[in-house]
C-alpha atoms as a PDB file:
ATOM      1  CA  MET A   1       0.000   0.000   0.000  1.00  0.00           C
ATOM      2  CA  GLN A   2       2.831   2.390   0.894  1.00  0.00           C
ATOM      3  CA  GLU A   3       4.552   1.769  -2.436  1.00  0.00           C
ATOM      4  CA  MET A   4       1.368   2.538  -4.387  1.00  0.00           C
ATOM      5  CA  TYR A   5       0.839   5.682  -2.264  1.00  0.00           C
ATOM      6  CA  ASP A   6       4.386   6.914  -2.951  1.00  0.00           C
ATOM      7  CA  GLN A   7       3.978   6.254  -6.667  1.00  0.00           C
ATOM      8  CA  ALA A   8       0.647   8.110  -6.748  1.00  0.00           C
ATOM      9  CA  ARG A   9       2.154  11.108  -4.911  1.00  0.00           C
ATOM     10  CA  SER A  10       4.976  11.227  -7.454  1.00  0.00           C
ATOM     11  CA  LEU A  11       2.472  11.134 -10.305  1.00  0.00           C
ATOM     12  CA  VAL A  12       0.515  14.044  -8.802  1.00  0.00           C
ATOM     13  CA  LYS A  13       3.693  16.056  -8.369  1.00  0.00           C
ATOM     14  CA  THR A  14       4.728  15.391 -11.980  1.00  0.00           C
ATOM     15  CA  LYS A  15       1.210  16.312 -13.125  1.00  0.00           C
ATOM     16  CA  ASP A  16       0.345  12.863 -14.484  1.00  0.00           C
ATOM     17  CA  HIS A  17      -3.118  13.231 -13.017  1.00  0.00           C
ATOM     18  CA  VAL A  18      -4.836  10.510 -15.039  1.00  0.00           C
ATOM     19  CA  GLN A  19      -2.506   7.786 -13.757  1.00  0.00           C
ATOM     20  CA  ALA A  20      -2.458   9.292 -10.273  1.00  0.00           C
ATOM     21  CA  GLU A  21      -6.261   9.363 -10.126  1.00  0.00           C
ATOM     22  CA  HIS A  22      -6.384   5.691 -11.072  1.00  0.00           C
ATOM     23  CA  LEU A  23      -4.004   4.657  -8.272  1.00  0.00           C
ATOM     24  CA  LEU A  24      -5.460   7.036  -5.713  1.00  0.00           C
ATOM     25  CA  ALA A  25      -9.009   5.842  -6.407  1.00  0.00           C
ATOM     26  CA  LYS A  26      -7.888   2.314  -5.515  1.00  0.00           C
ATOM     27  CA  LEU A  27      -6.150   3.496  -2.354  1.00  0.00           C
ATOM     28  CA  TYR A  28      -9.091   5.691  -1.393  1.00  0.00           C
ATOM     29  CA  ASP A  29     -11.491   2.772  -1.753  1.00  0.00           C
ATOM     30  CA  GLN A  30      -9.237   0.602   0.427  1.00  0.00           C
ATOM     31  CA  ASP A  31      -8.658   3.154   3.206  1.00  0.00           C
ATOM     32  CA  LEU A  32      -9.653   6.782   2.684  1.00  0.00           C
ATOM     33  CA  GLN A  33      -7.863   7.814   5.877  1.00  0.00           C
ATOM     34  CA  TYR A  34      -4.524   6.272   4.910  1.00  0.00           C
ATOM     35  CA  ARG A  35      -1.959   9.061   5.172  1.00  0.00           C
ATOM     36  CA  ALA A  36      -2.978  11.880   2.805  1.00  0.00           C
ATOM     37  CA  VAL A  37      -4.681   9.763   0.136  1.00  0.00           C
ATOM     38  CA  ALA A  38      -7.795  11.949   0.169  1.00  0.00           C
ATOM     39  CA  TYR A  39      -5.728  15.122  -0.268  1.00  0.00           C
ATOM     40  CA  TYR A  40      -3.793  13.834  -3.288  1.00  0.00           C
ATOM     41  CA  TYR A  41      -6.902  12.193  -4.741  1.00  0.00           C
ATOM     42  CA  GLY A  42      -8.788  15.492  -4.436  1.00  0.00           C
ATOM     43  CA  ARG A  43      -5.907  17.329  -6.135  1.00  0.00           C
ATOM     44  CA  ALA A  44      -5.859  14.847  -9.015  1.00  0.00           C
ATOM     45  CA  LEU A  45      -9.628  15.126  -9.436  1.00  0.00           C
ATOM     46  CA  PHE A  46      -9.321  18.933  -9.343  1.00  0.00           C
ATOM     47  CA  ALA A  47      -6.731  18.856 -12.124  1.00  0.00           C
ATOM     48  CA  LEU A  48      -8.995  16.574 -14.166  1.00  0.00           C
ATOM     49  CA  LYS A  49     -11.870  19.049 -13.629  1.00  0.00           C
ATOM     50  CA  GLN A  50     -14.008  16.501 -11.830  1.00  0.00           C
ATOM     51  CA  ASN A  51     -15.252  19.306  -9.622  1.00  0.00           C
ATOM     52  CA  ASP A  52     -18.062  17.631  -7.688  1.00  0.00           C
ATOM     53  CA  ARG A  53     -16.011  14.582  -6.772  1.00  0.00           C
ATOM     54  CA  SER A  54     -12.960  16.697  -5.972  1.00  0.00           C
ATOM     55  CA  ALA A  55     -14.989  18.878  -3.586  1.00  0.00           C
ATOM     56  CA  GLU A  56     -16.423  15.794  -1.906  1.00  0.00           C
ATOM     57  CA  VAL A  57     -13.014  14.157  -1.436  1.00  0.00           C
ATOM     58  CA  LEU A  58     -11.243  17.337  -0.279  1.00  0.00           C
ATOM     59  CA  ALA A  59     -14.039  18.108   2.190  1.00  0.00           C
ATOM     60  CA  GLY A  60     -13.669  14.562   3.501  1.00  0.00           C
ATOM     61  CA  TYR A  61      -9.954  15.164   3.970  1.00  0.00           C
ATOM     62  CA  VAL A  62     -10.660  18.386   5.901  1.00  0.00           C
ATOM     63  CA  ARG A  63     -13.151  16.551   8.119  1.00  0.00           C
ATOM     64  CA  GLN A  64     -10.402  14.081   9.065  1.00  0.00           C
ATOM     65  CA  ARG A  65      -8.654  16.966  10.874  1.00  0.00           C
ATOM     66  CA  PRO A  66      -5.203  16.078   9.528  1.00  0.00           C
ATOM     67  CA  MET A  67      -2.145  17.123  11.516  1.00  0.00           C
ATOM     68  CA  THR A  68      -0.262  18.422   8.464  1.00  0.00           C
ATOM     69  CA  LYS A  69      -1.173  22.103   8.332  1.00  0.00           C
ATOM     70  CA  THR A  70       0.340  22.606   4.877  1.00  0.00           C
ATOM     71  CA  LYS A  71      -1.856  19.973   3.249  1.00  0.00           C
ATOM     72  CA  LEU A  72      -4.878  21.221   5.189  1.00  0.00           C
ATOM     73  CA  ALA A  73      -4.241  24.794   4.017  1.00  0.00           C
ATOM     74  CA  ASN A  74      -3.816  23.545   0.458  1.00  0.00           C
ATOM     75  CA  ALA A  75      -7.042  21.514   0.688  1.00  0.00           C
ATOM     76  CA  TYR A  76      -8.904  24.706   1.617  1.00  0.00           C
ATOM     77  CA  PHE A  77      -7.100  26.480  -1.252  1.00  0.00           C
ATOM     78  CA  TYR A  78      -8.383  23.887  -3.738  1.00  0.00           C
ATOM     79  CA  LEU A  79     -11.883  24.117  -2.265  1.00  0.00           C
ATOM     80  CA  ALA A  80     -11.722  27.891  -2.802  1.00  0.00           C
ATOM     81  CA  LYS A  81     -10.619  27.325  -6.411  1.00  0.00           C
ATOM     82  CA  LEU A  82     -13.547  24.934  -6.892  1.00  0.00           C
ATOM     83  CA  ALA A  83     -15.928  27.588  -5.548  1.00  0.00           C
ATOM     84  CA  LEU A  84     -14.450  30.052  -8.054  1.00  0.00           C
ATOM     85  CA  ARG A  85     -15.091  27.586 -10.873  1.00  0.00           C
ATOM     86  CA  ASP A  86     -18.734  27.845  -9.796  1.00  0.00           C
ATOM     87  CA  GLU A  87     -18.440  31.645  -9.614  1.00  0.00           C
ATOM     88  CA  ASP A  88     -19.248  31.502  -5.895  1.00  0.00           C
ATOM     89  CA  ALA A  89     -17.095  34.284  -4.452  1.00  0.00           C
ATOM     90  CA  ASP A  90     -18.620  34.121  -0.960  1.00  0.00           C
ATOM     91  CA  THR A  91     -17.807  30.457  -0.477  1.00  0.00           C
ATOM     92  CA  ALA A  92     -14.360  30.926  -2.007  1.00  0.00           C
ATOM     93  CA  GLN A  93     -13.689  33.733   0.463  1.00  0.00           C
ATOM     94  CA  LYS A  94     -14.681  31.519   3.395  1.00  0.00           C
ATOM     95  CA  PHE A  95     -12.371  28.736   2.258  1.00  0.00           C
ATOM     96  CA  ILE A  96      -9.455  31.060   1.605  1.00  0.00           C
ATOM     97  CA  LYS A  97      -9.783  32.545   5.103  1.00  0.00           C
ATOM     98  CA  ARG A  98      -9.508  29.034   6.516  1.00  0.00           C
ATOM     99  CA  ALA A  99      -6.487  28.376   4.301  1.00  0.00           C
ATOM    100  CA  ALA A 100      -4.830  31.585   5.509  1.00  0.00           C
ATOM    101  CA  ALA A 101      -5.485  30.665   9.133  1.00  0.00           C
ATOM    102  CA  ARG A 102      -3.601  27.427   8.503  1.00  0.00           C
ATOM    103  CA  GLY A 103      -0.580  29.060   6.909  1.00  0.00           C
ATOM    104  CA  LEU A 104      -1.197  29.326   3.172  1.00  0.00           C
ATOM    105  CA  LYS A 105       1.647  31.333   1.624  1.00  0.00           C
ATOM    106  CA  ASN A 106       1.117  35.019   0.869  1.00  0.00           C
ATOM    107  CA  GLU A 107       1.775  34.787  -2.895  1.00  0.00           C
ATOM    108  CA  ARG A 108      -0.936  32.189  -3.361  1.00  0.00           C
ATOM    109  CA  LEU A 109      -3.288  34.101  -1.065  1.00  0.00           C
ATOM    110  CA  GLU A 110      -2.848  37.311  -3.032  1.00  0.00           C
ATOM    111  CA  LYS A 111      -3.376  35.595  -6.364  1.00  0.00           C
ATOM    112  CA  ILE A 112      -6.591  33.831  -5.366  1.00  0.00           C
ATOM    113  CA  GLN A 113      -7.873  36.889  -3.499  1.00  0.00           C
ATOM    114  CA  LYS A 114      -7.660  38.858  -6.759  1.00  0.00           C
ATOM    115  CA  GLN A 115      -9.627  36.121  -8.506  1.00  0.00           C
ATOM    116  CA  ILE A 116     -12.253  36.208  -5.759  1.00  0.00           C
ATOM    117  CA  TRP A 117     -12.585  39.983  -6.093  1.00  0.00           C
ATOM    118  CA  GLN A 118     -12.966  39.648  -9.873  1.00  0.00           C
ATOM    119  CA  VAL A 119     -15.769  37.120  -9.487  1.00  0.00           C
ATOM    120  CA  ALA A 120     -17.407  39.164  -6.728  1.00  0.00           C
ATOM    121  CA  ALA A 121     -17.320  42.268  -8.929  1.00  0.00           C
ATOM    122  CA  THR A 122     -19.409  40.470 -11.562  1.00  0.00           C
ATOM    123  CA  GLN A 123     -22.050  39.502  -9.014  1.00  0.00           C
ATOM    124  CA  THR A 124     -24.750  41.799  -7.742  1.00  0.00           C
ATOM    125  CA  GLU A 125     -27.270  41.568  -4.934  1.00  0.00           C
ATOM    126  CA  ASP A 126     -30.086  40.807  -7.378  1.00  0.00           C
ATOM    127  CA  LYS A 127     -28.072  38.104  -9.183  1.00  0.00           C
ATOM    128  CA  PRO A 128     -27.388  35.335  -6.644  1.00  0.00           C
ATOM    129  CA  VAL A 129     -25.094  32.419  -7.376  1.00  0.00           C
ATOM    130  CA  LEU A 130     -27.525  29.759  -8.523  1.00  0.00           C
ATOM    131  CA  LYS A 131     -25.266  27.147 -10.045  1.00  0.00           C
ATOM    132  CA  SER A 132     -22.798  26.698  -7.202  1.00  0.00           C
ATOM    133  CA  ARG A 133     -22.196  23.086  -6.288  1.00  0.00           C
ATOM    134  CA  MET A 134     -20.180  23.936  -3.203  1.00  0.00           C
ATOM    135  CA  GLN A 135     -22.532  22.302  -0.746  1.00  0.00           C
ATOM    136  CA  VAL A 136     -19.846  20.340   1.076  1.00  0.00           C
ATOM    137  CA  ARG A 137     -19.918  19.543   4.755  1.00  0.00           C
ATOM    138  CA  LEU A 138     -16.678  20.376   6.532  1.00  0.00           C
ATOM    139  CA  ASP A 139     -17.609  19.428  10.097  1.00  0.00           C
END
């Protein structure tokens, strides 16, 4: 199991997301709490634009209350990016605040904050976000 996990992590880091997703799906089905399987699986799904599944898996990782603050901050970062894909600036802002509280780096914070402001600027009070799929449970 450890060997497959290490191989999947390497594939995610080298951006071979199709192969990584295949391995991580197997690992996730065997033991979703094994190390950071859910985090890497969520990242691979994010890269493959499988937004609903990615949000579900990353939210599951967050609910595990992992000890690694960097991965937890990055999980919130990816959840914020998923909210932006749905043009849901409010939810993205909530996730990015959680990422910042867990140590997300300033450069990444600034970049996504600009994206959030751009999306928020296109939204008005009378035009609510209707197509957002970011209905994930984090607690």
